[in-house]
Amino acid sequence: MQTMNVSLPEPMKEFVDRLVAGGRYSSASEYVRELIRADEKRKGEEQLEALLLEGLQSDEAPLTSADWKAIRQEALARVKMTRKRGG
């Protein structure tokens, strides 16, 4: 695991310290990792929404069995990636 130093203003550091002291997180690192995972998820959802809107606004085209196979493979790959990250 890599180490990263982060500078925080005192009020933010105190906030994180309170969360850790309250038992919700075992360390500040755990809290930051959770924030990063949540941001990754949010960005993925935004990307998916943009792609869905793009699809809704485009001309209709019939999906072939090859299209469905590719969609299933991509969905399974994304599920595996999410599980590996603990999401």
PDB file of N, CA and C in Angstrom:
ATOM      1  N   MET A   1       0.850  -1.171   0.000  1.00  0.00           N
ATOM      2  CA  MET A   1       0.000   0.000   0.000  1.00  0.00           C
ATOM      3  C   MET A   1       0.897   1.236   0.000  1.00  0.00           C
ATOM      4  N   GLN A   2       0.524   2.215  -0.782  1.00  0.00           N
ATOM      5  CA  GLN A   2       1.283   3.460  -0.887  1.00  0.00           C
ATOM      6  C   GLN A   2       0.876   4.434   0.212  1.00  0.00           C
ATOM      7  N   THR A   3       1.780   5.320   0.555  1.00  0.00           N
ATOM      8  CA  THR A   3       1.504   6.352   1.554  1.00  0.00           C
ATOM      9  C   THR A   3       1.349   7.691   0.852  1.00  0.00           C
ATOM     10  N   MET A   4       0.408   8.497   1.341  1.00  0.00           N
ATOM     11  CA  MET A   4       0.176   9.826   0.800  1.00  0.00           C
ATOM     12  C   MET A   4      -0.046  10.764   1.977  1.00  0.00           C
ATOM     13  N   ASN A   5       0.642  11.872   1.981  1.00  0.00           N
ATOM     14  CA  ASN A   5       0.451  12.871   3.029  1.00  0.00           C
ATOM     15  C   ASN A   5      -0.566  13.893   2.556  1.00  0.00           C
ATOM     16  N   VAL A   6      -1.485  14.232   3.432  1.00  0.00           N
ATOM     17  CA  VAL A   6      -2.530  15.194   3.100  1.00  0.00           C
ATOM     18  C   VAL A   6      -2.535  16.279   4.166  1.00  0.00           C
ATOM     19  N   SER A   7      -2.519  17.520   3.736  1.00  0.00           N
ATOM     20  CA  SER A   7      -2.596  18.639   4.677  1.00  0.00           C
ATOM     21  C   SER A   7      -4.040  19.102   4.793  1.00  0.00           C
ATOM     22  N   LEU A   8      -4.496  19.255   6.036  1.00  0.00           N
ATOM     23  CA  LEU A   8      -5.867  19.683   6.291  1.00  0.00           C
ATOM     24  C   LEU A   8      -5.866  20.888   7.214  1.00  0.00           C
ATOM     25  N   PRO A   9      -6.808  21.791   7.007  1.00  0.00           N
ATOM     26  CA  PRO A   9      -6.981  22.862   7.985  1.00  0.00           C
ATOM     27  C   PRO A   9      -7.397  22.231   9.320  1.00  0.00           C
ATOM     28  N   GLU A  10      -7.104  22.894  10.397  1.00  0.00           N
ATOM     29  CA  GLU A  10      -7.377  22.355  11.732  1.00  0.00           C
ATOM     30  C   GLU A  10      -8.831  21.911  11.925  1.00  0.00           C
ATOM     31  N   PRO A  11      -9.825  22.696  11.480  1.00  0.00           N
ATOM     32  CA  PRO A  11     -11.211  22.231  11.678  1.00  0.00           C
ATOM     33  C   PRO A  11     -11.506  20.900  10.978  1.00  0.00           C
ATOM     34  N   MET A  12     -10.935  20.691   9.796  1.00  0.00           N
ATOM     35  CA  MET A  12     -11.146  19.429   9.090  1.00  0.00           C
ATOM     36  C   MET A  12     -10.452  18.276   9.816  1.00  0.00           C
ATOM     37  N   LYS A  13      -9.245  18.520  10.280  1.00  0.00           N
ATOM     38  CA  LYS A  13      -8.525  17.487  11.026  1.00  0.00           C
ATOM     39  C   LYS A  13      -9.288  17.111  12.288  1.00  0.00           C
ATOM     40  N   GLU A  14      -9.819  18.092  12.979  1.00  0.00           N
ATOM     41  CA  GLU A  14     -10.593  17.821  14.191  1.00  0.00           C
ATOM     42  C   GLU A  14     -11.848  17.007  13.866  1.00  0.00           C
ATOM     43  N   PHE A  15     -12.483  17.322  12.737  1.00  0.00           N
ATOM     44  CA  PHE A  15     -13.665  16.573  12.311  1.00  0.00           C
ATOM     45  C   PHE A  15     -13.312  15.105  12.097  1.00  0.00           C
ATOM     46  N   VAL A  16     -12.229  14.850  11.358  1.00  0.00           N
ATOM     47  CA  VAL A  16     -11.798  13.475  11.094  1.00  0.00           C
ATOM     48  C   VAL A  16     -11.433  12.783  12.410  1.00  0.00           C
ATOM     49  N   ASP A  17     -10.724  13.479  13.259  1.00  0.00           N
ATOM     50  CA  ASP A  17     -10.332  12.908  14.558  1.00  0.00           C
ATOM     51  C   ASP A  17     -11.569  12.517  15.373  1.00  0.00           C
ATOM     52  N   ARG A  18     -12.619  13.329  15.324  1.00  0.00           N
ATOM     53  CA  ARG A  18     -13.851  13.011  16.054  1.00  0.00           C
ATOM     54  C   ARG A  18     -14.508  11.749  15.494  1.00  0.00           C
ATOM     55  N   LEU A  19     -14.506  11.614  14.178  1.00  0.00           N
ATOM     56  CA  LEU A  19     -15.079  10.409  13.568  1.00  0.00           C
ATOM     57  C   LEU A  19     -14.314   9.164  14.005  1.00  0.00           C
ATOM     58  N   VAL A  20     -12.998   9.259  14.008  1.00  0.00           N
ATOM     59  CA  VAL A  20     -12.173   8.122  14.419  1.00  0.00           C
ATOM     60  C   VAL A  20     -12.387   7.834  15.909  1.00  0.00           C
ATOM     61  N   ALA A  21     -12.378   8.874  16.729  1.00  0.00           N
ATOM     62  CA  ALA A  21     -12.572   8.692  18.171  1.00  0.00           C
ATOM     63  C   ALA A  21     -13.950   8.120  18.477  1.00  0.00           C
ATOM     64  N   GLY A  22     -14.940   8.455  17.650  1.00  0.00           N
ATOM     65  CA  GLY A  22     -16.290   7.957  17.842  1.00  0.00           C
ATOM     66  C   GLY A  22     -16.457   6.501  17.441  1.00  0.00           C
ATOM     67  N   GLY A  23     -15.431   5.922  16.853  1.00  0.00           N
ATOM     68  CA  GLY A  23     -15.469   4.512  16.501  1.00  0.00           C
ATOM     69  C   GLY A  23     -16.031   4.195  15.134  1.00  0.00           C
ATOM     70  N   ARG A  24     -16.429   5.214  14.407  1.00  0.00           N
ATOM     71  CA  ARG A  24     -16.995   4.939  13.083  1.00  0.00           C
ATOM     72  C   ARG A  24     -15.914   4.446  12.114  1.00  0.00           C
ATOM     73  N   TYR A  25     -14.701   4.952  12.279  1.00  0.00           N
ATOM     74  CA  TYR A  25     -13.553   4.550  11.457  1.00  0.00           C
ATOM     75  C   TYR A  25     -12.408   4.182  12.378  1.00  0.00           C
ATOM     76  N   SER A  26     -11.587   3.247  11.936  1.00  0.00           N
ATOM     77  CA  SER A  26     -10.460   2.846  12.770  1.00  0.00           C
ATOM     78  C   SER A  26      -9.273   3.792  12.617  1.00  0.00           C
ATOM     79  N   SER A  27      -9.270   4.566  11.529  1.00  0.00           N
ATOM     80  CA  SER A  27      -8.168   5.509  11.293  1.00  0.00           C
ATOM     81  C   SER A  27      -8.601   6.577  10.298  1.00  0.00           C
ATOM     82  N   ALA A  28      -7.822   7.632  10.234  1.00  0.00           N
ATOM     83  CA  ALA A  28      -8.080   8.679   9.238  1.00  0.00           C
ATOM     84  C   ALA A  28      -7.932   8.112   7.830  1.00  0.00           C
ATOM     85  N   SER A  29      -6.995   7.197   7.656  1.00  0.00           N
ATOM     86  CA  SER A  29      -6.797   6.576   6.342  1.00  0.00           C
ATOM     87  C   SER A  29      -8.044   5.824   5.887  1.00  0.00           C
ATOM     88  N   GLU A  30      -8.672   5.114   6.807  1.00  0.00           N
ATOM     89  CA  GLU A  30      -9.894   4.380   6.466  1.00  0.00           C
ATOM     90  C   GLU A  30     -10.979   5.350   6.007  1.00  0.00           C
ATOM     91  N   TYR A  31     -11.095   6.469   6.679  1.00  0.00           N
ATOM     92  CA  TYR A  31     -12.087   7.481   6.308  1.00  0.00           C
ATOM     93  C   TYR A  31     -11.806   8.032   4.904  1.00  0.00           C
ATOM     94  N   VAL A  32     -10.555   8.343   4.635  1.00  0.00           N
ATOM     95  CA  VAL A  32     -10.187   8.890   3.319  1.00  0.00           C
ATOM     96  C   VAL A  32     -10.432   7.848   2.233  1.00  0.00           C
ATOM     97  N   ARG A  33     -10.091   6.588   2.499  1.00  0.00           N
ATOM     98  CA  ARG A  33     -10.351   5.541   1.499  1.00  0.00           C
ATOM     99  C   ARG A  33     -11.842   5.435   1.190  1.00  0.00           C
ATOM    100  N   GLU A  34     -12.680   5.530   2.233  1.00  0.00           N
ATOM    101  CA  GLU A  34     -14.131   5.469   2.012  1.00  0.00           C
ATOM    102  C   GLU A  34     -14.595   6.652   1.165  1.00  0.00           C
ATOM    103  N   LEU A  35     -14.061   7.836   1.427  1.00  0.00           N
ATOM    104  CA  LEU A  35     -14.425   9.012   0.632  1.00  0.00           C
ATOM    105  C   LEU A  35     -14.040   8.829  -0.833  1.00  0.00           C
ATOM    106  N   ILE A  36     -12.861   8.274  -1.059  1.00  0.00           N
ATOM    107  CA  ILE A  36     -12.392   8.068  -2.435  1.00  0.00           C
ATOM    108  C   ILE A  36     -13.272   7.041  -3.140  1.00  0.00           C
ATOM    109  N   ARG A  37     -13.599   5.939  -2.450  1.00  0.00           N
ATOM    110  CA  ARG A  37     -14.477   4.932  -3.063  1.00  0.00           C
ATOM    111  C   ARG A  37     -15.837   5.536  -3.403  1.00  0.00           C
ATOM    112  N   ALA A  38     -16.375   6.343  -2.508  1.00  0.00           N
ATOM    113  CA  ALA A  38     -17.677   6.978  -2.765  1.00  0.00           C
ATOM    114  C   ALA A  38     -17.587   7.918  -3.963  1.00  0.00           C
ATOM    115  N   ASP A  39     -16.476   8.635  -4.088  1.00  0.00           N
ATOM    116  CA  ASP A  39     -16.312   9.547  -5.217  1.00  0.00           C
ATOM    117  C   ASP A  39     -16.171   8.767  -6.516  1.00  0.00           C
ATOM    118  N   GLU A  40     -15.429   7.658  -6.489  1.00  0.00           N
ATOM    119  CA  GLU A  40     -15.315   6.818  -7.681  1.00  0.00           C
ATOM    120  C   GLU A  40     -16.691   6.321  -8.114  1.00  0.00           C
ATOM    121  N   LYS A  41     -17.479   5.873  -7.155  1.00  0.00           N
ATOM    122  CA  LYS A  41     -18.820   5.375  -7.456  1.00  0.00           C
ATOM    123  C   LYS A  41     -19.684   6.484  -8.047  1.00  0.00           C
ATOM    124  N   ARG A  42     -19.623   7.678  -7.440  1.00  0.00           N
ATOM    125  CA  ARG A  42     -20.423   8.806  -7.921  1.00  0.00           C
ATOM    126  C   ARG A  42     -20.036   9.167  -9.354  1.00  0.00           C
ATOM    127  N   LYS A  43     -18.740   9.205  -9.629  1.00  0.00           N
ATOM    128  CA  LYS A  43     -18.282   9.544 -10.979  1.00  0.00           C
ATOM    129  C   LYS A  43     -18.709   8.480 -11.986  1.00  0.00           C
ATOM    130  N   GLY A  44     -18.677   7.218 -11.585  1.00  0.00           N
ATOM    131  CA  GLY A  44     -19.138   6.145 -12.457  1.00  0.00           C
ATOM    132  C   GLY A  44     -20.621   6.268 -12.761  1.00  0.00           C
ATOM    133  N   GLU A  45     -21.397   6.619 -11.731  1.00  0.00           N
ATOM    134  CA  GLU A  45     -22.838   6.806 -11.927  1.00  0.00           C
ATOM    135  C   GLU A  45     -23.113   7.996 -12.834  1.00  0.00           C
ATOM    136  N   GLU A  46     -22.333   9.066 -12.688  1.00  0.00           N
ATOM    137  CA  GLU A  46     -22.500  10.226 -13.572  1.00  0.00           C
ATOM    138  C   GLU A  46     -22.189   9.856 -15.010  1.00  0.00           C
ATOM    139  N   GLN A  47     -21.128   9.071 -15.201  1.00  0.00           N
ATOM    140  CA  GLN A  47     -20.754   8.652 -16.550  1.00  0.00           C
ATOM    141  C   GLN A  47     -21.843   7.770 -17.151  1.00  0.00           C
ATOM    142  N   LEU A  48     -22.361   6.854 -16.350  1.00  0.00           N
ATOM    143  CA  LEU A  48     -23.435   5.988 -16.834  1.00  0.00           C
ATOM    144  C   LEU A  48     -24.664   6.803 -17.207  1.00  0.00           C
ATOM    145  N   GLU A  49     -25.023   7.766 -16.364  1.00  0.00           N
ATOM    146  CA  GLU A  49     -26.184   8.610 -16.659  1.00  0.00           C
ATOM    147  C   GLU A  49     -25.983   9.384 -17.961  1.00  0.00           C
ATOM    148  N   ALA A  50     -24.774   9.919 -18.156  1.00  0.00           N
ATOM    149  CA  ALA A  50     -24.487  10.655 -19.394  1.00  0.00           C
ATOM    150  C   ALA A  50     -24.611   9.744 -20.611  1.00  0.00           C
ATOM    151  N   LEU A  51     -24.106   8.524 -20.489  1.00  0.00           N
ATOM    152  CA  LEU A  51     -24.203   7.579 -21.604  1.00  0.00           C
ATOM    153  C   LEU A  51     -25.655   7.177 -21.876  1.00  0.00           C
ATOM    154  N   LEU A  52     -26.417   6.993 -20.804  1.00  0.00           N
ATOM    155  CA  LEU A  52     -27.831   6.660 -20.986  1.00  0.00           C
ATOM    156  C   LEU A  52     -28.588   7.798 -21.668  1.00  0.00           C
ATOM    157  N   LEU A  53     -28.320   9.031 -21.243  1.00  0.00           N
ATOM    158  CA  LEU A  53     -28.969  10.176 -21.874  1.00  0.00           C
ATOM    159  C   LEU A  53     -28.565  10.295 -23.335  1.00  0.00           C
ATOM    160  N   GLU A  54     -27.293  10.055 -23.605  1.00  0.00           N
ATOM    161  CA  GLU A  54     -26.819  10.095 -24.992  1.00  0.00           C
ATOM    162  C   GLU A  54     -27.552   9.039 -25.825  1.00  0.00           C
ATOM    163  N   GLY A  55     -27.720   7.864 -25.241  1.00  0.00           N
ATOM    164  CA  GLY A  55     -28.428   6.801 -25.949  1.00  0.00           C
ATOM    165  C   GLY A  55     -29.886   7.140 -26.186  1.00  0.00           C
ATOM    166  N   LEU A  56     -30.523   7.744 -25.185  1.00  0.00           N
ATOM    167  CA  LEU A  56     -31.930   8.121 -25.337  1.00  0.00           C
ATOM    168  C   LEU A  56     -32.128   9.186 -26.399  1.00  0.00           C
ATOM    169  N   GLN A  57     -31.143  10.043 -26.575  1.00  0.00           N
ATOM    170  CA  GLN A  57     -31.256  11.136 -27.527  1.00  0.00           C
ATOM    171  C   GLN A  57     -30.803  10.743 -28.930  1.00  0.00           C
ATOM    172  N   SER A  58     -30.231   9.559 -29.079  1.00  0.00           N
ATOM    173  CA  SER A  58     -29.745   9.144 -30.387  1.00  0.00           C
ATOM    174  C   SER A  58     -30.850   8.418 -31.153  1.00  0.00           C
ATOM    175  N   ASP A  59     -30.593   8.204 -32.432  1.00  0.00           N
ATOM    176  CA  ASP A  59     -31.539   7.454 -33.254  1.00  0.00           C
ATOM    177  C   ASP A  59     -31.612   6.015 -32.759  1.00  0.00           C
ATOM    178  N   GLU A  60     -32.778   5.416 -32.886  1.00  0.00           N
ATOM    179  CA  GLU A  60     -32.956   4.028 -32.468  1.00  0.00           C
ATOM    180  C   GLU A  60     -32.246   3.104 -33.440  1.00  0.00           C
ATOM    181  N   ALA A  61     -31.671   2.053 -32.885  1.00  0.00           N
ATOM    182  CA  ALA A  61     -31.048   1.018 -33.700  1.00  0.00           C
ATOM    183  C   ALA A  61     -31.306  -0.309 -33.003  1.00  0.00           C
ATOM    184  N   PRO A  62     -31.660  -1.327 -33.750  1.00  0.00           N
ATOM    185  CA  PRO A  62     -31.915  -2.624 -33.117  1.00  0.00           C
ATOM    186  C   PRO A  62     -30.609  -3.212 -32.565  1.00  0.00           C
ATOM    187  N   LEU A  63     -30.727  -3.873 -31.413  1.00  0.00           N
ATOM    188  CA  LEU A  63     -29.571  -4.531 -30.827  1.00  0.00           C
ATOM    189  C   LEU A  63     -29.487  -5.955 -31.340  1.00  0.00           C
ATOM    190  N   THR A  64     -28.292  -6.329 -31.726  1.00  0.00           N
ATOM    191  CA  THR A  64     -28.064  -7.692 -32.209  1.00  0.00           C
ATOM    192  C   THR A  64     -27.670  -8.577 -31.029  1.00  0.00           C
ATOM    193  N   SER A  65     -27.614  -9.870 -31.266  1.00  0.00           N
ATOM    194  CA  SER A  65     -27.177 -10.782 -30.198  1.00  0.00           C
ATOM    195  C   SER A  65     -25.728 -10.478 -29.807  1.00  0.00           C
ATOM    196  N   ALA A  66     -24.923 -10.040 -30.758  1.00  0.00           N
ATOM    197  CA  ALA A  66     -23.538  -9.661 -30.442  1.00  0.00           C
ATOM    198  C   ALA A  66     -23.512  -8.432 -29.534  1.00  0.00           C
ATOM    199  N   ASP A  67     -24.430  -7.489 -29.765  1.00  0.00           N
ATOM    200  CA  ASP A  67     -24.524  -6.309 -28.901  1.00  0.00           C
ATOM    201  C   ASP A  67     -24.847  -6.724 -27.466  1.00  0.00           C
ATOM    202  N   TRP A  68     -25.843  -7.608 -27.318  1.00  0.00           N
ATOM    203  CA  TRP A  68     -26.242  -8.060 -25.980  1.00  0.00           C
ATOM    204  C   TRP A  68     -25.108  -8.808 -25.298  1.00  0.00           C
ATOM    205  N   LYS A  69     -24.378  -9.605 -26.060  1.00  0.00           N
ATOM    206  CA  LYS A  69     -23.245 -10.349 -25.495  1.00  0.00           C
ATOM    207  C   LYS A  69     -22.182  -9.374 -24.984  1.00  0.00           C
ATOM    208  N   ALA A  70     -21.878  -8.352 -25.761  1.00  0.00           N
ATOM    209  CA  ALA A  70     -20.891  -7.350 -25.351  1.00  0.00           C
ATOM    210  C   ALA A  70     -21.359  -6.589 -24.109  1.00  0.00           C
ATOM    211  N   ILE A  71     -22.643  -6.266 -24.063  1.00  0.00           N
ATOM    212  CA  ILE A  71     -23.207  -5.557 -22.902  1.00  0.00           C
ATOM    213  C   ILE A  71     -23.078  -6.420 -21.655  1.00  0.00           C
ATOM    214  N   ARG A  72     -23.409  -7.695 -21.758  1.00  0.00           N
ATOM    215  CA  ARG A  72     -23.305  -8.613 -20.616  1.00  0.00           C
ATOM    216  C   ARG A  72     -21.851  -8.736 -20.143  1.00  0.00           C
ATOM    217  N   GLN A  73     -20.918  -8.871 -21.095  1.00  0.00           N
ATOM    218  CA  GLN A  73     -19.509  -9.011 -20.736  1.00  0.00           C
ATOM    219  C   GLN A  73     -19.001  -7.765 -20.009  1.00  0.00           C
ATOM    220  N   GLU A  74     -19.374  -6.598 -20.489  1.00  0.00           N
ATOM    221  CA  GLU A  74     -18.946  -5.366 -19.837  1.00  0.00           C
ATOM    222  C   GLU A  74     -19.561  -5.238 -18.442  1.00  0.00           C
ATOM    223  N   ALA A  75     -20.819  -5.595 -18.312  1.00  0.00           N
ATOM    224  CA  ALA A  75     -21.478  -5.528 -17.001  1.00  0.00           C
ATOM    225  C   ALA A  75     -20.803  -6.474 -16.016  1.00  0.00           C
ATOM    226  N   LEU A  76     -20.510  -7.698 -16.442  1.00  0.00           N
ATOM    227  CA  LEU A  76     -19.837  -8.652 -15.566  1.00  0.00           C
ATOM    228  C   LEU A  76     -18.449  -8.169 -15.171  1.00  0.00           C
ATOM    229  N   ALA A  77     -17.731  -7.567 -16.105  1.00  0.00           N
ATOM    230  CA  ALA A  77     -16.397  -7.041 -15.802  1.00  0.00           C
ATOM    231  C   ALA A  77     -16.493  -5.922 -14.770  1.00  0.00           C
ATOM    232  N   ARG A  78     -17.502  -5.074 -14.901  1.00  0.00           N
ATOM    233  CA  ARG A  78     -17.673  -3.983 -13.928  1.00  0.00           C
ATOM    234  C   ARG A  78     -18.029  -4.527 -12.554  1.00  0.00           C
ATOM    235  N   VAL A  79     -18.867  -5.555 -12.501  1.00  0.00           N
ATOM    236  CA  VAL A  79     -19.223  -6.152 -11.215  1.00  0.00           C
ATOM    237  C   VAL A  79     -17.977  -6.743 -10.555  1.00  0.00           C
ATOM    238  N   LYS A  80     -17.148  -7.430 -11.321  1.00  0.00           N
ATOM    239  CA  LYS A  80     -15.916  -8.009 -10.774  1.00  0.00           C
ATOM    240  C   LYS A  80     -14.991  -6.921 -10.231  1.00  0.00           C
ATOM    241  N   MET A  81     -14.868  -5.806 -10.967  1.00  0.00           N
ATOM    242  CA  MET A  81     -14.015  -4.705 -10.522  1.00  0.00           C
ATOM    243  C   MET A  81     -14.545  -4.114  -9.211  1.00  0.00           C
ATOM    244  N   THR A  82     -15.861  -3.950  -9.126  1.00  0.00           N
ATOM    245  CA  THR A  82     -16.471  -3.398  -7.917  1.00  0.00           C
ATOM    246  C   THR A  82     -16.232  -4.319  -6.734  1.00  0.00           C
ATOM    247  N   ARG A  83     -16.370  -5.620  -6.940  1.00  0.00           N
ATOM    248  CA  ARG A  83     -16.151  -6.575  -5.858  1.00  0.00           C
ATOM    249  C   ARG A  83     -14.694  -6.593  -5.412  1.00  0.00           C
ATOM    250  N   LYS A  84     -13.769  -6.459  -6.355  1.00  0.00           N
ATOM    251  CA  LYS A  84     -12.338  -6.430  -6.005  1.00  0.00           C
ATOM    252  C   LYS A  84     -12.022  -5.229  -5.122  1.00  0.00           C
ATOM    253  N   ARG A  85     -12.689  -4.102  -5.387  1.00  0.00           N
ATOM    254  CA  ARG A  85     -12.454  -2.881  -4.612  1.00  0.00           C
ATOM    255  C   ARG A  85     -13.202  -2.896  -3.298  1.00  0.00           C
ATOM    256  N   GLY A  86     -14.008  -3.905  -3.092  1.00  0.00           N
ATOM    257  CA  GLY A  86     -14.764  -3.976  -1.845  1.00  0.00           C
ATOM    258  C   GLY A  86     -16.040  -3.173  -1.856  1.00  0.00           C
ATOM    259  N   GLY A  87     -16.505  -2.774  -3.034  1.00  0.00           N
ATOM    260  CA  GLY A  87     -17.711  -1.948  -3.153  1.00  0.00           C
ATOM    261  C   GLY A  87     -18.900  -2.768  -3.233  1.00  0.00           C
TER     262      GLY A  87
END
